Amino acid sequence: MIDVYYWPTPNGHKITMFLEEAGLPYTLIPVNIGKGDQFKPDFLKISPNNRMPAIVDRAPKGGGAPISVFGSGAILMYLADKTGKFLPTETRARYDVLQWLFWQMAGLGPMAGQNGHFNNYAPDKIAYAIDRYVNETNRLYAVLDKRLGGRDFIGGDYSIADMACYPWIVPHERQKQNIGDFPNLKRWFEAIKARPATLRAYDKGKAVNPNPPATVSDETRKILFGQTAAVVRR
């Protein structure tokens, strides 16, 4: 059994998408990031960066003591290695997938995240910041659209690269992106959206947080975005 410390954010959805595809048994443990659950001592023991998702695998490959992993990219790699699924073993194909996983982790996720922050959460609408991240998100959409030309999925076959990228495209409207401008991306997006495992994963998210607020309070904003080194040192 795998314990999944989770909230239905793009990074959280990555993990449930994999687990539903692979058919692995798991238990969701909600980490309500708007209420500060990510700073609780028990959670910090497995996720010292006070971010979800994180997992504890109580039946690791090869046996032995439970293994904890934090960070969505590391978790996807761990689960792929555990199951032998969604990450090729042949060197060239493996690194073809991994380079796009890291592209998402270092590029699409952070840039789209900042896009969402300045468009939807920042108390002041700063035109330069909004333009900066909307434009960079737009560029990254084009990179992915070009990659998907002539391919069903990012690495050819469905893989952890697709699972990593898809949840960051879901909020394309909130990111001020017209997905119709990217025909290869749109075709890929609709194909993943229709997968039964994707539908199950997103249904799990709705069950955990059925009524997400349309706006965030000042208190929640402070919890999500106002932390400094003090929360690590305490």
Protein backbone atom coordinates (compact mmCIF):
# COMPACT_ATOMS: atom_id res chain seq x y z
CA MET A 1 0.00 0.00 0.00
CA ILE A 2 1.18 3.52 -0.81
CA ASP A 3 0.22 6.52 1.30
CA VAL A 4 -0.17 9.60 -0.89
CA TYR A 5 -0.01 12.99 0.81
CA TYR A 6 -2.10 14.98 -1.58
CA TRP A 7 -4.11 18.01 -2.52
CA PRO A 8 -5.81 18.37 -5.92
CA THR A 9 -3.28 20.68 -7.55
CA PRO A 10 -1.45 20.02 -10.83
CA ASN A 11 1.42 18.36 -8.96
CA GLY A 12 -0.98 16.28 -6.89
CA HIS A 13 -2.89 15.10 -9.96
CA LYS A 14 0.30 13.78 -11.55
CA ILE A 15 0.60 11.12 -8.87
CA THR A 16 -3.00 9.94 -8.87
CA MET A 17 -2.89 9.77 -12.66
CA PHE A 18 0.07 7.37 -12.48
CA LEU A 19 -1.43 5.27 -9.70
CA GLU A 20 -4.74 4.94 -11.50
CA GLU A 21 -3.00 3.97 -14.74
CA ALA A 22 -0.82 1.40 -12.99
CA GLY A 23 -3.59 0.00 -10.80
CA LEU A 24 -1.52 0.30 -7.64
CA PRO A 25 -3.40 0.34 -4.32
CA TYR A 26 -3.04 3.64 -2.47
CA THR A 27 -4.53 5.72 0.28
CA LEU A 28 -5.01 9.47 -0.12
CA ILE A 29 -4.04 11.55 2.89
CA PRO A 30 -5.29 15.11 2.29
CA VAL A 31 -2.84 17.94 2.92
CA ASN A 32 -4.96 21.08 2.88
CA ILE A 33 -2.38 23.60 1.74
CA GLY A 34 -4.79 26.50 2.22
CA LYS A 35 -5.00 25.71 5.93
CA GLY A 36 -1.29 25.08 6.44
CA ASP A 37 -1.27 21.28 6.74
CA GLN A 38 2.02 21.27 4.82
CA PHE A 39 3.77 22.77 7.85
CA LYS A 40 2.73 20.07 10.32
CA PRO A 41 5.72 18.26 11.88
CA ASP A 42 4.60 14.78 10.81
CA PHE A 43 4.34 15.89 7.19
CA LEU A 44 7.69 17.68 7.29
CA LYS A 45 9.36 14.41 8.27
CA ILE A 46 8.63 13.05 4.79
CA SER A 47 8.52 16.33 2.85
CA PRO A 48 11.12 18.72 4.31
CA ASN A 49 10.38 21.30 1.60
CA ASN A 50 6.83 21.65 3.04
CA ARG A 51 5.28 20.90 -0.33
CA MET A 52 2.95 18.17 -1.46
CA PRO A 53 2.77 15.62 -2.98
CA ALA A 54 4.78 13.09 -1.04
CA ILE A 55 4.43 9.34 -0.70
CA VAL A 56 5.30 6.58 1.71
CA ASP A 57 5.58 3.19 0.01
CA ARG A 58 4.97 0.57 2.68
CA ALA A 59 5.75 -2.31 0.30
CA PRO A 60 8.79 -1.12 -1.67
CA LYS A 61 10.30 -3.10 -4.48
CA GLY A 62 12.78 -5.53 -2.97
CA GLY A 63 11.15 -5.38 0.46
CA GLY A 64 12.52 -3.77 3.57
CA ALA A 65 11.49 -0.67 5.44
CA PRO A 66 9.00 1.81 3.96
CA ILE A 67 10.40 4.39 1.54
CA SER A 68 9.27 8.00 1.53
CA VAL A 69 9.68 10.27 -1.51
CA PHE A 70 8.79 13.93 -1.88
CA GLY A 71 8.50 16.01 -5.06
CA SER A 72 6.22 15.06 -7.95
CA GLY A 73 9.00 14.40 -10.47
CA ALA A 74 10.93 12.16 -8.11
CA ILE A 75 7.72 10.34 -7.17
CA LEU A 76 6.86 9.68 -10.82
CA MET A 77 10.34 8.26 -11.42
CA TYR A 78 10.11 6.14 -8.27
CA LEU A 79 6.73 4.71 -9.25
CA ALA A 80 7.89 4.05 -12.81
CA ASP A 81 10.92 2.14 -11.52
CA LYS A 82 8.80 0.26 -8.99
CA THR A 83 6.27 -0.92 -11.56
CA GLY A 84 8.34 -1.04 -14.74
CA LYS A 85 5.67 1.08 -16.43
CA PHE A 86 5.54 4.44 -18.25
CA LEU A 87 9.32 4.91 -18.40
CA PRO A 88 11.35 3.00 -21.00
CA THR A 89 14.39 1.01 -19.93
CA GLU A 90 16.33 1.41 -23.18
CA THR A 91 18.78 4.26 -22.68
CA ARG A 92 17.81 6.52 -25.58
CA ALA A 93 14.08 6.15 -25.05
CA ARG A 94 14.44 6.53 -21.28
CA TYR A 95 16.27 9.83 -21.50
CA ASP A 96 13.95 11.04 -24.23
CA VAL A 97 11.17 10.80 -21.64
CA LEU A 98 13.24 12.07 -18.71
CA GLN A 99 14.37 15.22 -20.48
CA TRP A 100 10.72 16.19 -20.98
CA LEU A 101 9.87 15.32 -17.39
CA PHE A 102 12.59 17.73 -16.27
CA TRP A 103 11.42 20.27 -18.86
CA GLN A 104 8.08 20.28 -17.11
CA MET A 105 9.60 20.43 -13.64
CA ALA A 106 11.97 23.29 -14.48
CA GLY A 107 9.96 25.13 -17.12
CA LEU A 108 6.28 24.51 -17.71
CA GLY A 109 5.34 24.06 -14.05
CA PRO A 110 7.17 27.05 -12.56
CA MET A 111 6.31 29.41 -15.41
CA ALA A 112 2.64 28.40 -15.58
CA GLY A 113 2.54 28.54 -11.79
CA GLN A 114 3.80 32.11 -11.72
CA ASN A 115 1.35 32.90 -14.52
CA GLY A 116 -1.50 31.63 -12.36
CA HIS A 117 -0.20 33.45 -9.31
CA PHE A 118 0.03 36.90 -10.85
CA ASN A 119 -3.20 36.48 -12.85
CA ASN A 120 -5.36 34.94 -10.15
CA TYR A 121 -3.87 35.27 -6.67
CA ALA A 122 -1.67 38.35 -6.42
CA PRO A 123 -3.48 41.17 -4.59
CA ASP A 124 -2.03 43.70 -7.03
CA LYS A 125 -2.25 43.21 -10.79
CA ILE A 126 1.28 43.93 -11.95
CA ALA A 127 1.21 44.26 -15.73
CA TYR A 128 4.89 43.48 -16.26
CA ALA A 129 4.71 40.26 -14.21
CA ILE A 130 1.49 39.14 -15.89
CA ASP A 131 2.89 39.78 -19.37
CA ARG A 132 6.17 38.10 -18.51
CA TYR A 133 4.60 34.83 -17.39
CA VAL A 134 1.71 34.75 -19.86
CA ASN A 135 4.19 35.18 -22.70
CA GLU A 136 6.59 32.55 -21.35
CA THR A 137 3.74 30.10 -20.86
CA ASN A 138 2.73 30.80 -24.44
CA ARG A 139 6.26 30.01 -25.63
CA LEU A 140 6.32 26.76 -23.68
CA TYR A 141 2.97 25.71 -25.13
CA ALA A 142 4.52 26.18 -28.57
CA VAL A 143 7.55 24.07 -27.59
CA LEU A 144 5.27 21.24 -26.51
CA ASP A 145 3.02 21.65 -29.55
CA LYS A 146 6.04 21.32 -31.84
CA ARG A 147 7.27 18.26 -29.97
CA LEU A 148 3.89 16.58 -30.41
CA GLY A 149 3.89 17.00 -34.17
CA GLY A 150 3.74 13.49 -35.61
CA ARG A 151 3.63 11.87 -32.13
CA ASP A 152 0.71 10.60 -30.10
CA PHE A 153 2.53 11.35 -26.85
CA ILE A 154 5.62 13.23 -25.74
CA GLY A 155 7.91 10.20 -25.72
CA GLY A 156 6.06 8.27 -28.42
CA ASP A 157 4.26 5.97 -25.98
CA TYR A 158 2.29 7.28 -23.01
CA SER A 159 4.73 8.00 -20.18
CA ILE A 160 5.45 9.93 -17.02
CA ALA A 161 6.33 12.93 -19.20
CA ASP A 162 2.71 13.13 -20.33
CA MET A 163 1.43 12.68 -16.79
CA ALA A 164 3.70 15.49 -15.61
CA CYS A 165 2.68 17.95 -18.32
CA TYR A 166 -1.04 17.34 -18.68
CA PRO A 167 -2.19 18.79 -15.31
CA TRP A 168 -0.36 22.03 -16.08
CA ILE A 169 -2.32 22.41 -19.33
CA VAL A 170 -5.70 21.79 -17.68
CA PRO A 171 -5.96 25.41 -16.44
CA HIS A 172 -5.09 26.85 -19.85
CA GLU A 173 -7.91 29.38 -19.71
CA ARG A 174 -6.76 30.73 -16.35
CA GLN A 175 -3.26 30.93 -17.84
CA LYS A 176 -4.65 33.17 -20.64
CA GLN A 177 -3.82 30.61 -23.32
CA ASN A 178 -5.95 29.68 -26.33
CA ILE A 179 -5.37 25.97 -26.69
CA GLY A 180 -6.86 26.13 -30.18
CA ASP A 181 -3.70 27.95 -31.29
CA PHE A 182 -1.77 24.72 -30.64
CA PRO A 183 -3.41 21.90 -32.65
CA ASN A 184 -0.97 19.13 -31.74
CA LEU A 185 -1.16 20.07 -28.07
CA LYS A 186 -4.96 20.20 -28.18
CA ARG A 187 -5.21 16.75 -29.79
CA TRP A 188 -2.84 15.33 -27.15
CA PHE A 189 -4.71 17.10 -24.35
CA GLU A 190 -8.09 15.74 -25.39
CA ALA A 191 -6.70 12.21 -25.72
CA ILE A 192 -5.31 12.23 -22.16
CA LYS A 193 -8.42 13.92 -20.77
CA ALA A 194 -10.53 11.03 -22.09
CA ARG A 195 -8.39 8.26 -20.55
CA PRO A 196 -10.35 6.37 -17.86
CA ALA A 197 -7.44 6.66 -15.41
CA THR A 198 -7.36 10.44 -15.87
CA LEU A 199 -11.08 10.66 -15.22
CA ARG A 200 -10.73 8.57 -12.06
CA ALA A 201 -7.78 10.62 -10.83
CA TYR A 202 -9.61 13.92 -11.24
CA ASP A 203 -12.73 12.49 -9.61
CA LYS A 204 -10.57 11.65 -6.59
CA GLY A 205 -9.52 15.29 -6.48
CA LYS A 206 -13.11 16.50 -6.55
CA ALA A 207 -13.95 14.18 -3.67
CA VAL A 208 -11.08 15.56 -1.56
CA ASN A 209 -11.89 19.22 -2.28
CA PRO A 210 -15.42 19.36 -3.73
CA ASN A 211 -15.94 23.11 -3.40
CA PRO A 212 -12.67 24.98 -4.01
CA PRO A 213 -13.10 28.70 -3.32
CA ALA A 214 -13.19 31.03 -6.29
CA THR A 215 -10.87 33.45 -4.49
CA VAL A 216 -8.40 33.16 -1.64
CA SER A 217 -8.63 35.04 1.62
CA ASP A 218 -5.79 37.17 2.93
CA GLU A 219 -5.12 34.51 5.57
CA THR A 220 -4.89 31.74 2.98
CA ARG A 221 -2.74 33.91 0.73
CA LYS A 222 -0.32 34.41 3.60
CA ILE A 223 -0.14 30.66 4.23
CA LEU A 224 0.39 29.84 0.57
CA PHE A 225 2.67 32.65 -0.50
CA GLY A 226 3.97 34.54 2.52
CA GLN A 227 6.41 32.09 4.07
CA THR A 228 10.07 32.78 4.74
CA ALA A 229 13.03 30.89 6.19
CA ALA A 230 11.37 31.14 9.60
CA VAL A 231 8.99 28.26 8.80
CA VAL A 232 11.96 26.00 8.07
CA ARG A 233 13.96 26.96 11.11
CA ARG A 234 11.28 26.67 13.75
